[in-house]
Amino acid sequence: MLHGVLPVNKPNGMTSHDVVSQVRRLTRQKRIGHTGTLDPEVKGVLPLCLGQATRIVENVQEMPKRYRGSLVLGVATDTEDQTGRVIEEAEVGPLSLEHVDDVLRRFVGKIHQTPPMYSAVKVGGKRLYEWAREGVEVERPTREVVIHQLERVGFEPGDRPRLDLDVWCSKGTYVRTLFVDIGRELGAPAHLSALVRTQSGPFSLHDSWSLEALEKVAEQGDWNKVLVSIGETLSHLPAVTVTDADRKRVENGVPLPWNGKPLGAEPGTRFRILTESGQCCALYRLMEDQPVLKPEKVFRVR
């Protein structure tokens, strides 16, 4: 069985599940999970977790994401993107780029979003998109997300001006909704016309593999050249190295004493547990009341 994270460059027109199915076929392995759904019309970085790495799906999902998207002003749709039905049109007055940049700065930091009706959030036992297809609009709970960075990287004037934006954001951010809210702040209906996820956690487009390239990898059987290890994927976490003798204790879920390094590590901090050869064999967490690391996840990837 293969173990590790495979960053895929998802093409337009495919669901995230379609990509998982393709990679299952190529690897002849069922135990594969993705780390955050991309809509069919969105392309870009989609990390897949294989084998024991499926146990870190939630860890990868927690990491920030980066997107490059286009916002068209003057037209709003019911899905908030280019696939929807037009529900509002309006003329757009002269735009000052200084004003645009000022508005963008207002969205940096913690913000609250209301999930769009065409989304997979469940309300009343149904997905929102199921309610939307029935023509029913239901009350939706707001959620707090974080916009780490938001910059204008392009502008095309005209009757329907287009702003190209680069966004660093937290898990759970609806970029469609962010763009519509920006348009509203600029005084115009708006929708997302194109979107690419350029980074997910440590993985960028440069690191990601097309499905065509993976077909060739499957023919050669050289999956090790495209898989990223669990330890490398979680390299932002501090590490503790154990001896080969202690590895068995780790695999049995035995707590470990903490030596106080790195300095300043707070209770609740996660640690990678590395073998002498550098392989990540577990994730441990620093306990609240004593200098002890307690097992959270153990990986058996021998």
Protein backbone atom coordinates (compact mmCIF):
# COMPACT_ATOMS: atom_id res chain seq x y z
CA MET A 1 0.00 0.00 0.00
CA LEU A 2 1.13 3.55 -0.79
CA HIS A 3 1.40 6.08 2.05
CA GLY A 4 1.80 9.82 1.57
CA VAL A 5 0.24 12.97 0.16
CA LEU A 6 -0.19 13.46 -3.58
CA PRO A 7 -0.76 17.08 -4.69
CA VAL A 8 -2.93 16.98 -7.83
CA ASN A 9 -3.62 19.86 -10.21
CA LYS A 10 -7.38 19.40 -10.63
CA PRO A 11 -8.67 20.41 -14.07
CA ASN A 12 -11.88 22.27 -14.84
CA GLY A 13 -14.99 20.16 -15.30
CA MET A 14 -14.20 17.48 -12.73
CA THR A 15 -15.46 17.09 -9.18
CA SER A 16 -12.99 16.42 -6.40
CA HIS A 17 -14.52 12.95 -6.09
CA ASP A 18 -13.85 12.37 -9.81
CA VAL A 19 -10.16 13.07 -9.17
CA VAL A 20 -10.08 10.67 -6.22
CA SER A 21 -11.69 7.99 -8.40
CA GLN A 22 -9.09 8.52 -11.14
CA VAL A 23 -6.20 8.21 -8.69
CA ARG A 24 -7.76 5.11 -7.11
CA ARG A 25 -7.81 3.55 -10.56
CA LEU A 26 -4.21 4.55 -11.31
CA THR A 27 -2.81 3.42 -7.94
CA ARG A 28 -5.14 0.42 -7.60
CA GLN A 29 -5.66 1.54 -4.04
CA LYS A 30 -8.97 2.35 -2.34
CA ARG A 31 -7.72 4.18 0.75
CA ILE A 32 -7.54 7.73 -0.62
CA GLY A 33 -9.15 10.94 0.61
CA HIS A 34 -9.03 14.57 -0.51
CA THR A 35 -8.34 17.54 1.75
CA GLY A 36 -11.03 20.03 0.78
CA THR A 37 -13.59 20.06 -2.02
CA LEU A 38 -13.06 22.17 -5.11
CA ASP A 39 -16.14 22.99 -7.20
CA PRO A 40 -16.14 21.39 -10.67
CA GLU A 41 -15.47 24.75 -12.40
CA VAL A 42 -12.54 25.53 -10.08
CA LYS A 43 -9.12 24.18 -10.94
CA GLY A 44 -5.89 23.98 -9.02
CA VAL A 45 -4.19 22.33 -6.06
CA LEU A 46 -6.04 19.35 -4.56
CA PRO A 47 -3.88 17.33 -2.13
CA LEU A 48 -4.90 13.67 -1.87
CA CYS A 49 -3.96 11.55 1.16
CA LEU A 50 -3.11 7.91 0.53
CA GLY A 51 -2.90 5.01 2.98
CA GLN A 52 -1.85 6.06 6.48
CA ALA A 53 -1.79 9.69 5.31
CA THR A 54 -5.61 9.63 5.26
CA ARG A 55 -5.25 10.10 9.03
CA ILE A 56 -3.90 13.63 8.51
CA VAL A 57 -6.68 14.83 6.16
CA GLU A 58 -8.05 17.14 8.86
CA ASN A 59 -4.56 18.48 9.62
CA VAL A 60 -4.05 19.48 5.98
CA GLN A 61 -7.58 20.89 5.78
CA GLU A 62 -6.78 23.25 8.67
CA MET A 63 -3.94 24.89 6.72
CA PRO A 64 -4.47 28.19 4.85
CA LYS A 65 -5.40 28.17 1.15
CA ARG A 66 -4.44 30.58 -1.61
CA TYR A 67 -6.57 31.49 -4.63
CA ARG A 68 -6.33 33.64 -7.76
CA GLY A 69 -9.76 34.77 -8.87
CA SER A 70 -11.59 37.21 -11.11
CA LEU A 71 -14.43 39.43 -9.87
CA VAL A 72 -16.81 40.90 -12.46
CA LEU A 73 -18.80 43.95 -11.41
CA GLY A 74 -22.23 44.86 -12.71
CA VAL A 75 -23.79 41.38 -12.78
CA ALA A 76 -24.94 39.13 -9.92
CA THR A 77 -25.95 35.46 -10.24
CA ASP A 78 -27.91 33.11 -7.99
CA THR A 79 -24.84 30.88 -7.48
CA GLU A 80 -22.45 33.84 -6.98
CA ASP A 81 -20.28 32.56 -9.85
CA GLN A 82 -20.29 32.32 -13.64
CA THR A 83 -22.38 29.13 -13.69
CA GLY A 84 -25.51 30.72 -12.26
CA ARG A 85 -28.59 32.52 -13.50
CA VAL A 86 -28.34 36.31 -13.70
CA ILE A 87 -30.48 37.86 -10.96
CA GLU A 88 -29.32 41.48 -11.06
CA GLU A 89 -27.60 43.87 -13.46
CA ALA A 90 -26.55 47.47 -12.94
CA GLU A 91 -24.30 50.08 -14.43
CA VAL A 92 -20.96 50.49 -12.72
CA GLY A 93 -19.74 54.00 -12.09
CA PRO A 94 -16.14 55.15 -12.43
CA LEU A 95 -13.77 53.10 -10.26
CA SER A 96 -10.84 54.57 -8.39
CA LEU A 97 -8.21 51.89 -7.86
CA GLU A 98 -7.21 53.64 -4.66
CA HIS A 99 -10.79 53.19 -3.44
CA VAL A 100 -10.76 49.55 -4.57
CA ASP A 101 -7.57 48.88 -2.60
CA ASP A 102 -9.04 50.62 0.43
CA VAL A 103 -12.12 48.38 0.26
CA LEU A 104 -9.95 45.27 -0.05
CA ARG A 105 -8.05 46.23 3.10
CA ARG A 106 -11.36 46.25 5.01
CA PHE A 107 -11.74 42.52 4.33
CA VAL A 108 -8.35 41.49 5.72
CA GLY A 109 -8.50 39.79 9.12
CA LYS A 110 -11.42 38.05 10.80
CA ILE A 111 -14.69 38.44 8.91
CA HIS A 112 -18.12 36.82 9.06
CA GLN A 113 -19.66 35.09 6.05
CA THR A 114 -23.09 33.70 5.29
CA PRO A 115 -22.73 30.51 3.23
CA PRO A 116 -24.25 30.83 -0.27
CA MET A 117 -27.46 28.92 -1.02
CA TYR A 118 -25.57 26.90 -3.62
CA SER A 119 -23.21 25.22 -1.14
CA ALA A 120 -22.94 21.88 0.66
CA VAL A 121 -23.67 23.22 4.15
CA LYS A 122 -26.50 21.30 5.81
CA VAL A 123 -29.51 23.16 7.21
CA GLY A 124 -32.61 21.32 8.39
CA GLY A 125 -31.23 17.97 7.27
CA LYS A 126 -30.64 19.09 3.66
CA ARG A 127 -27.72 20.54 1.76
CA LEU A 128 -28.24 24.20 0.94
CA TYR A 129 -27.96 23.50 -2.79
CA GLU A 130 -30.87 21.04 -2.44
CA TRP A 131 -33.03 23.77 -0.90
CA ALA A 132 -31.89 26.17 -3.66
CA ARG A 133 -32.86 23.74 -6.42
CA GLU A 134 -36.33 23.58 -4.89
CA GLY A 135 -36.51 27.37 -5.02
CA VAL A 136 -36.49 27.68 -1.23
CA GLU A 137 -34.21 30.14 0.56
CA VAL A 138 -33.52 29.18 4.17
CA GLU A 139 -31.88 31.04 7.02
CA ARG A 140 -28.17 30.26 7.18
CA PRO A 141 -25.82 30.57 10.15
CA THR A 142 -22.87 32.90 9.70
CA ARG A 143 -19.33 31.67 10.20
CA GLU A 144 -16.09 33.39 11.12
CA VAL A 145 -13.18 33.02 8.70
CA VAL A 146 -9.82 34.71 8.38
CA ILE A 147 -8.52 36.54 5.31
CA HIS A 148 -4.75 36.57 5.79
CA GLN A 149 -3.98 38.57 2.65
CA LEU A 150 -6.03 40.12 -0.16
CA GLU A 151 -4.41 41.96 -3.06
CA ARG A 152 -5.45 43.32 -6.44
CA VAL A 153 -3.23 41.81 -9.12
CA GLY A 154 -5.10 42.92 -12.23
CA PHE A 155 -7.81 45.27 -13.49
CA GLU A 156 -9.74 45.45 -16.75
CA PRO A 157 -12.01 48.52 -17.15
CA GLY A 158 -15.22 48.65 -19.20
CA ASP A 159 -18.99 48.35 -18.79
CA ARG A 160 -18.38 45.23 -16.73
CA PRO A 161 -15.08 45.92 -14.95
CA ARG A 162 -13.01 42.94 -13.87
CA LEU A 163 -10.77 42.78 -10.82
CA ASP A 164 -8.21 39.99 -10.50
CA LEU A 165 -7.50 39.21 -6.86
CA ASP A 166 -5.00 37.10 -4.93
CA VAL A 167 -6.40 35.70 -1.65
CA TRP A 168 -4.80 33.91 1.30
CA CYS A 169 -7.57 32.60 3.55
CA SER A 170 -8.47 30.14 6.27
CA LYS A 171 -10.28 26.85 5.98
CA GLY A 172 -14.00 27.28 5.31
CA THR A 173 -13.78 30.55 3.39
CA TYR A 174 -16.26 30.92 0.54
CA VAL A 175 -14.30 32.87 -2.04
CA ARG A 176 -17.45 33.36 -4.13
CA THR A 177 -19.15 35.05 -1.20
CA LEU A 178 -16.04 37.11 -0.41
CA PHE A 179 -16.00 38.47 -3.96
CA VAL A 180 -19.74 39.24 -3.94
CA ASP A 181 -19.35 41.07 -0.62
CA ILE A 182 -16.44 43.08 -2.05
CA GLY A 183 -18.62 44.07 -5.00
CA ARG A 184 -21.40 45.11 -2.66
CA GLU A 185 -18.93 47.28 -0.72
CA LEU A 186 -17.93 48.86 -4.04
CA GLY A 187 -21.60 49.61 -4.71
CA ALA A 188 -22.26 47.11 -7.51
CA PRO A 189 -23.68 43.62 -8.01
CA ALA A 190 -20.86 41.16 -8.66
CA HIS A 191 -19.95 37.53 -9.26
CA LEU A 192 -16.89 35.31 -9.39
CA SER A 193 -16.02 34.59 -13.03
CA ALA A 194 -12.96 32.35 -12.64
CA LEU A 195 -11.01 30.76 -9.78
CA VAL A 196 -7.80 28.79 -9.34
CA ARG A 197 -6.51 27.39 -6.06
CA THR A 198 -2.81 28.16 -6.27
CA GLN A 199 -1.78 26.76 -2.88
CA SER A 200 -3.13 24.43 -0.22
CA GLY A 201 -1.01 24.23 2.91
CA PRO A 202 2.57 23.50 1.81
CA PHE A 203 1.56 22.52 -1.75
CA SER A 204 1.58 24.93 -4.70
CA LEU A 205 0.66 24.59 -8.36
CA HIS A 206 4.37 24.13 -9.07
CA ASP A 207 4.36 21.03 -6.83
CA SER A 208 1.16 19.55 -8.24
CA TRP A 209 0.75 16.82 -10.82
CA SER A 210 -1.71 16.73 -13.71
CA LEU A 211 -3.77 13.60 -14.23
CA GLU A 212 -1.97 13.11 -17.56
CA ALA A 213 1.40 13.08 -15.79
CA LEU A 214 0.07 10.63 -13.21
CA GLU A 215 -0.98 8.27 -16.01
CA LYS A 216 2.71 8.06 -16.96
CA VAL A 217 3.75 7.61 -13.33
CA ALA A 218 1.31 4.68 -13.10
CA GLU A 219 2.78 3.11 -16.23
CA GLN A 220 6.26 3.31 -14.71
CA GLY A 221 5.10 2.35 -11.22
CA ASP A 222 7.29 5.05 -9.67
CA TRP A 223 4.87 6.54 -7.14
CA ASN A 224 7.61 7.42 -4.65
CA LYS A 225 8.70 10.33 -6.84
CA VAL A 226 5.31 12.06 -6.57
CA LEU A 227 4.26 11.22 -2.99
CA VAL A 228 5.14 13.59 -0.15
CA SER A 229 5.70 11.92 3.21
CA ILE A 230 3.52 12.59 6.25
CA GLY A 231 6.47 14.14 8.08
CA GLU A 232 7.31 16.50 5.21
CA THR A 233 3.67 17.53 4.81
CA LEU A 234 3.54 18.46 8.50
CA SER A 235 7.01 20.01 8.59
CA HIS A 236 5.59 23.21 10.14
CA LEU A 237 5.13 21.26 13.40
CA PRO A 238 8.02 20.87 15.89
CA ALA A 239 9.62 17.43 16.02
CA VAL A 240 10.89 15.00 18.64
CA THR A 241 13.18 12.17 17.54
CA VAL A 242 12.93 8.81 19.30
CA THR A 243 15.30 5.86 19.30
CA ASP A 244 14.43 2.67 17.47
CA ALA A 245 13.80 1.08 20.88
CA ASP A 246 11.31 3.82 21.78
CA ARG A 247 9.58 3.53 18.43
CA LYS A 248 7.77 0.41 19.61
CA ARG A 249 6.51 2.31 22.65
CA VAL A 250 5.23 5.05 20.34
CA GLU A 251 3.49 2.52 18.11
CA ASN A 252 1.76 1.19 21.22
CA GLY A 253 0.57 4.69 22.12
CA VAL A 254 2.75 5.15 25.21
CA PRO A 255 3.07 8.81 26.40
CA LEU A 256 6.55 10.36 26.18
CA PRO A 257 8.33 12.78 28.52
CA TRP A 258 8.89 16.25 27.03
CA ASN A 259 12.32 17.85 27.40
CA GLY A 260 11.06 21.44 27.20
CA LYS A 261 12.17 22.05 23.62
CA PRO A 262 11.39 24.05 21.65
CA LEU A 263 11.26 26.75 24.28
CA GLY A 264 7.91 28.47 24.54
CA ALA A 265 5.84 25.54 23.25
CA GLU A 266 2.40 25.92 24.77
CA PRO A 267 0.12 23.18 26.12
CA GLY A 268 -1.83 21.65 23.25
CA THR A 269 1.07 22.00 20.78
CA ARG A 270 1.28 19.10 18.33
CA PHE A 271 4.64 17.40 17.76
CA ARG A 272 5.82 15.12 15.00
CA ILE A 273 7.45 12.00 16.42
CA LEU A 274 10.34 11.03 14.15
CA THR A 275 12.38 7.84 14.03
CA GLU A 276 16.18 7.89 13.84
CA SER A 277 15.83 7.56 10.05
CA GLY A 278 13.58 10.66 9.93
CA GLN A 279 10.27 8.90 9.31
CA CYS A 280 7.22 10.40 11.01
CA CYS A 281 5.63 7.60 13.03
CA ALA A 282 3.12 9.59 15.11
CA LEU A 283 1.60 12.90 16.16
CA TYR A 284 1.70 13.66 19.88
CA ARG A 285 0.23 16.61 21.80
CA LEU A 286 1.73 18.42 24.79
CA MET A 287 -0.50 17.92 27.84
CA GLU A 288 -1.95 20.83 29.77
CA ASP A 289 -0.88 19.94 33.30
CA GLN A 290 2.50 18.18 32.98
CA PRO A 291 5.53 18.00 30.64
CA VAL A 292 4.30 14.89 28.87
CA LEU A 293 3.50 14.26 25.20
CA LYS A 294 0.32 12.26 24.70
CA PRO A 295 -0.40 10.25 21.51
CA GLU A 296 -2.93 11.70 19.08
CA LYS A 297 -2.29 9.68 15.91
CA VAL A 298 0.07 6.77 15.22
CA PHE A 299 1.19 5.92 11.68
CA ARG A 300 2.22 2.41 10.72
CA VAL A 301 3.94 2.90 7.39
CA ARG A 302 6.73 0.31 7.44
